[in-house]
Amino acid sequence: MNDTTTLPPLPDRLSIDPRSPFHNADAFERDVGITLNGKEHLNVEEYCISEGWIKIPAGKSLDRKGHPMLIKLKGTVEAFYK
């Protein structure tokens, strides 16, 4: 039997932080991959395809609430299911 399940499209903006308004738990049921300028990044915290940026942790530095400090990288962003 063929089990053809169609995956829902990934949103334009997605965050892994549950406190963010752009967090969507349904999108994380499968592994999501992110490429920036053709290079896959494994530590993406948030992305926006239409604006062309991703946010990744800046080393081991933390803010005053204990969350990682993020830097924004700009370029061509592509999101896909692995």
N, C-alpha and C. Protein backbone atom coordinates (compact mmCIF):
# COMPACT_ATOMS: atom_id res chain seq x y z
N MET A 1 0.83 -1.18 0.00
CA MET A 1 0.00 0.00 0.00
C MET A 1 0.87 1.24 0.00
N ASN A 2 0.46 2.20 -0.77
CA ASN A 2 1.18 3.46 -0.81
C ASN A 2 0.58 4.41 0.21
N ASP A 3 1.42 4.90 1.09
CA ASP A 3 0.99 5.87 2.09
C ASP A 3 1.49 7.23 1.65
N THR A 4 0.67 7.96 0.93
CA THR A 4 1.07 9.27 0.44
C THR A 4 0.54 10.33 1.37
N THR A 5 1.40 10.83 2.20
CA THR A 5 1.01 11.90 3.12
C THR A 5 1.63 13.20 2.61
N THR A 6 0.82 14.20 2.48
CA THR A 6 1.32 15.49 2.05
C THR A 6 1.70 16.29 3.28
N LEU A 7 2.88 16.84 3.24
CA LEU A 7 3.37 17.63 4.36
C LEU A 7 2.83 19.04 4.26
N PRO A 8 2.49 19.65 5.37
CA PRO A 8 2.03 21.04 5.32
C PRO A 8 3.19 21.95 4.94
N PRO A 9 2.92 23.02 4.22
CA PRO A 9 4.01 23.92 3.84
C PRO A 9 4.61 24.58 5.08
N LEU A 10 5.90 24.83 5.03
CA LEU A 10 6.56 25.52 6.13
C LEU A 10 6.18 26.99 6.12
N PRO A 11 6.01 27.59 7.30
CA PRO A 11 5.64 29.01 7.34
C PRO A 11 6.80 29.89 6.89
N ASP A 12 6.45 31.13 6.53
CA ASP A 12 7.46 32.10 6.09
C ASP A 12 8.43 32.44 7.22
N ARG A 13 7.93 32.48 8.45
CA ARG A 13 8.77 32.79 9.61
C ARG A 13 8.49 31.78 10.70
N LEU A 14 9.55 31.21 11.27
CA LEU A 14 9.40 30.16 12.26
C LEU A 14 10.49 30.29 13.32
N SER A 15 10.12 30.03 14.57
CA SER A 15 11.04 30.11 15.69
C SER A 15 10.93 28.83 16.52
N ILE A 16 12.07 28.39 17.09
CA ILE A 16 12.03 27.20 17.94
C ILE A 16 11.71 27.56 19.39
N ASP A 17 11.72 28.84 19.72
CA ASP A 17 11.44 29.30 21.08
C ASP A 17 9.93 29.29 21.32
N PRO A 18 9.44 28.50 22.28
CA PRO A 18 7.99 28.44 22.51
C PRO A 18 7.39 29.75 23.01
N ARG A 19 8.20 30.68 23.48
CA ARG A 19 7.68 31.98 23.94
C ARG A 19 7.43 32.93 22.78
N SER A 20 7.94 32.62 21.60
CA SER A 20 7.84 33.49 20.45
C SER A 20 6.45 33.38 19.80
N PRO A 21 5.92 34.48 19.26
CA PRO A 21 4.64 34.39 18.55
C PRO A 21 4.77 33.64 17.22
N PHE A 22 5.99 33.40 16.76
CA PHE A 22 6.22 32.69 15.50
C PHE A 22 6.54 31.22 15.71
N HIS A 23 6.33 30.71 16.92
CA HIS A 23 6.55 29.29 17.20
C HIS A 23 5.34 28.50 16.72
N ASN A 24 5.60 27.42 15.99
CA ASN A 24 4.54 26.55 15.49
C ASN A 24 4.96 25.11 15.76
N ALA A 25 4.37 24.50 16.77
CA ALA A 25 4.77 23.15 17.19
C ALA A 25 4.47 22.11 16.11
N ASP A 26 3.44 22.34 15.30
CA ASP A 26 3.09 21.38 14.25
C ASP A 26 4.20 21.26 13.20
N ALA A 27 4.94 22.32 12.96
CA ALA A 27 6.00 22.29 11.96
C ALA A 27 7.18 21.45 12.42
N PHE A 28 7.31 21.24 13.73
CA PHE A 28 8.45 20.50 14.26
C PHE A 28 8.17 19.02 14.46
N GLU A 29 7.06 18.52 13.94
CA GLU A 29 6.80 17.09 14.01
C GLU A 29 7.79 16.31 13.15
N ARG A 30 8.31 16.94 12.13
CA ARG A 30 9.38 16.37 11.30
C ARG A 30 10.58 17.30 11.39
N ASP A 31 11.76 16.78 11.03
CA ASP A 31 12.97 17.60 11.05
C ASP A 31 12.90 18.66 9.95
N VAL A 32 13.27 19.89 10.32
CA VAL A 32 13.27 21.00 9.39
C VAL A 32 14.72 21.38 9.11
N GLY A 33 15.06 21.55 7.85
CA GLY A 33 16.40 21.97 7.46
C GLY A 33 16.36 23.40 6.93
N ILE A 34 17.42 24.15 7.18
CA ILE A 34 17.52 25.54 6.76
C ILE A 34 18.84 25.72 6.01
N THR A 35 18.77 26.33 4.84
CA THR A 35 20.00 26.70 4.12
C THR A 35 20.03 28.21 3.97
N LEU A 36 21.22 28.77 4.12
CA LEU A 36 21.46 30.19 3.91
C LEU A 36 22.54 30.30 2.85
N ASN A 37 22.22 30.88 1.72
CA ASN A 37 23.15 31.02 0.59
C ASN A 37 23.73 29.67 0.17
N GLY A 38 22.90 28.63 0.20
CA GLY A 38 23.33 27.31 -0.25
C GLY A 38 24.03 26.46 0.79
N LYS A 39 24.28 26.99 1.99
CA LYS A 39 24.96 26.24 3.04
C LYS A 39 23.96 25.91 4.14
N GLU A 40 23.90 24.62 4.52
CA GLU A 40 22.95 24.21 5.56
C GLU A 40 23.48 24.58 6.93
N HIS A 41 22.61 25.16 7.74
CA HIS A 41 22.94 25.52 9.12
C HIS A 41 22.13 24.64 10.05
N LEU A 42 22.79 24.10 11.07
CA LEU A 42 22.15 23.16 11.98
C LEU A 42 21.70 23.80 13.28
N ASN A 43 22.11 25.03 13.56
CA ASN A 43 21.81 25.66 14.84
C ASN A 43 20.94 26.90 14.71
N VAL A 44 19.96 26.88 13.81
CA VAL A 44 19.10 28.03 13.56
C VAL A 44 18.03 28.11 14.63
N GLU A 45 17.91 29.27 15.26
CA GLU A 45 16.88 29.51 16.28
C GLU A 45 15.61 30.07 15.65
N GLU A 46 15.75 30.90 14.62
CA GLU A 46 14.60 31.53 13.97
C GLU A 46 14.99 31.89 12.55
N TYR A 47 14.01 31.87 11.64
CA TYR A 47 14.29 32.26 10.26
C TYR A 47 13.10 33.02 9.68
N CYS A 48 13.36 33.78 8.63
CA CYS A 48 12.33 34.47 7.87
C CYS A 48 12.73 34.40 6.41
N ILE A 49 11.93 33.73 5.60
CA ILE A 49 12.27 33.54 4.19
C ILE A 49 12.07 34.83 3.41
N SER A 50 10.96 35.54 3.62
CA SER A 50 10.66 36.73 2.82
C SER A 50 11.64 37.87 3.09
N GLU A 51 12.10 38.00 4.33
CA GLU A 51 13.05 39.06 4.66
C GLU A 51 14.49 38.61 4.46
N GLY A 52 14.74 37.30 4.33
CA GLY A 52 16.06 36.79 4.01
C GLY A 52 17.06 36.81 5.16
N TRP A 53 16.69 36.28 6.32
CA TRP A 53 17.62 36.23 7.45
C TRP A 53 17.36 35.00 8.31
N ILE A 54 18.40 34.63 9.06
CA ILE A 54 18.30 33.59 10.08
C ILE A 54 18.96 34.12 11.34
N LYS A 55 18.57 33.59 12.48
CA LYS A 55 19.21 33.94 13.76
C LYS A 55 19.83 32.68 14.33
N ILE A 56 21.12 32.79 14.69
CA ILE A 56 21.86 31.67 15.26
C ILE A 56 22.52 32.12 16.56
N PRO A 57 22.83 31.19 17.48
CA PRO A 57 23.51 31.57 18.73
C PRO A 57 24.91 32.13 18.46
N ALA A 58 25.28 33.11 19.26
CA ALA A 58 26.60 33.74 19.15
C ALA A 58 27.54 33.11 20.16
N GLY A 59 28.06 31.95 19.84
CA GLY A 59 28.97 31.25 20.75
C GLY A 59 28.26 30.76 21.99
N LYS A 60 28.93 30.90 23.13
CA LYS A 60 28.35 30.43 24.40
C LYS A 60 27.80 31.57 25.23
N SER A 61 27.73 32.77 24.68
CA SER A 61 27.27 33.92 25.45
C SER A 61 25.77 33.85 25.70
N LEU A 62 25.37 34.28 26.89
CA LEU A 62 23.97 34.25 27.31
C LEU A 62 23.52 35.65 27.68
N ASP A 63 22.22 35.93 27.54
CA ASP A 63 21.71 37.21 28.00
C ASP A 63 21.42 37.12 29.50
N ARG A 64 20.89 38.18 30.07
CA ARG A 64 20.70 38.21 31.52
C ARG A 64 19.62 37.26 32.00
N LYS A 65 18.79 36.73 31.10
CA LYS A 65 17.76 35.76 31.48
C LYS A 65 18.21 34.33 31.23
N GLY A 66 19.44 34.15 30.75
CA GLY A 66 19.97 32.81 30.55
C GLY A 66 19.72 32.22 29.17
N HIS A 67 19.20 33.02 28.25
CA HIS A 67 18.95 32.55 26.89
C HIS A 67 20.14 32.92 26.01
N PRO A 68 20.42 32.14 24.97
CA PRO A 68 21.59 32.44 24.14
C PRO A 68 21.44 33.77 23.40
N MET A 69 22.55 34.49 23.28
CA MET A 69 22.59 35.70 22.48
C MET A 69 22.55 35.27 21.02
N LEU A 70 21.78 35.97 20.21
CA LEU A 70 21.60 35.59 18.81
C LEU A 70 22.18 36.64 17.89
N ILE A 71 22.73 36.18 16.76
CA ILE A 71 23.17 37.08 15.72
C ILE A 71 22.33 36.79 14.47
N LYS A 72 22.15 37.82 13.67
CA LYS A 72 21.34 37.70 12.47
C LYS A 72 22.25 37.64 11.25
N LEU A 73 22.06 36.60 10.43
CA LEU A 73 22.79 36.47 9.17
C LEU A 73 21.80 36.67 8.04
N LYS A 74 22.21 37.44 7.01
CA LYS A 74 21.31 37.75 5.91
C LYS A 74 21.76 37.06 4.63
N GLY A 75 20.79 36.72 3.81
CA GLY A 75 21.06 36.07 2.53
C GLY A 75 19.81 35.39 2.01
N THR A 76 20.01 34.44 1.11
CA THR A 76 18.90 33.69 0.54
C THR A 76 18.59 32.50 1.45
N VAL A 77 17.39 32.47 2.01
CA VAL A 77 16.99 31.43 2.97
C VAL A 77 16.04 30.46 2.30
N GLU A 78 16.30 29.17 2.52
CA GLU A 78 15.42 28.11 2.05
C GLU A 78 15.14 27.16 3.21
N ALA A 79 13.87 26.80 3.39
CA ALA A 79 13.48 25.87 4.45
C ALA A 79 12.89 24.63 3.80
N PHE A 80 13.20 23.46 4.36
CA PHE A 80 12.72 22.20 3.79
C PHE A 80 12.61 21.16 4.89
N TYR A 81 11.82 20.13 4.61
CA TYR A 81 11.72 18.99 5.52
C TYR A 81 12.82 18.01 5.16
N LYS A 82 13.45 17.45 6.18
CA LYS A 82 14.51 16.45 5.95
C LYS A 82 13.91 15.09 5.74
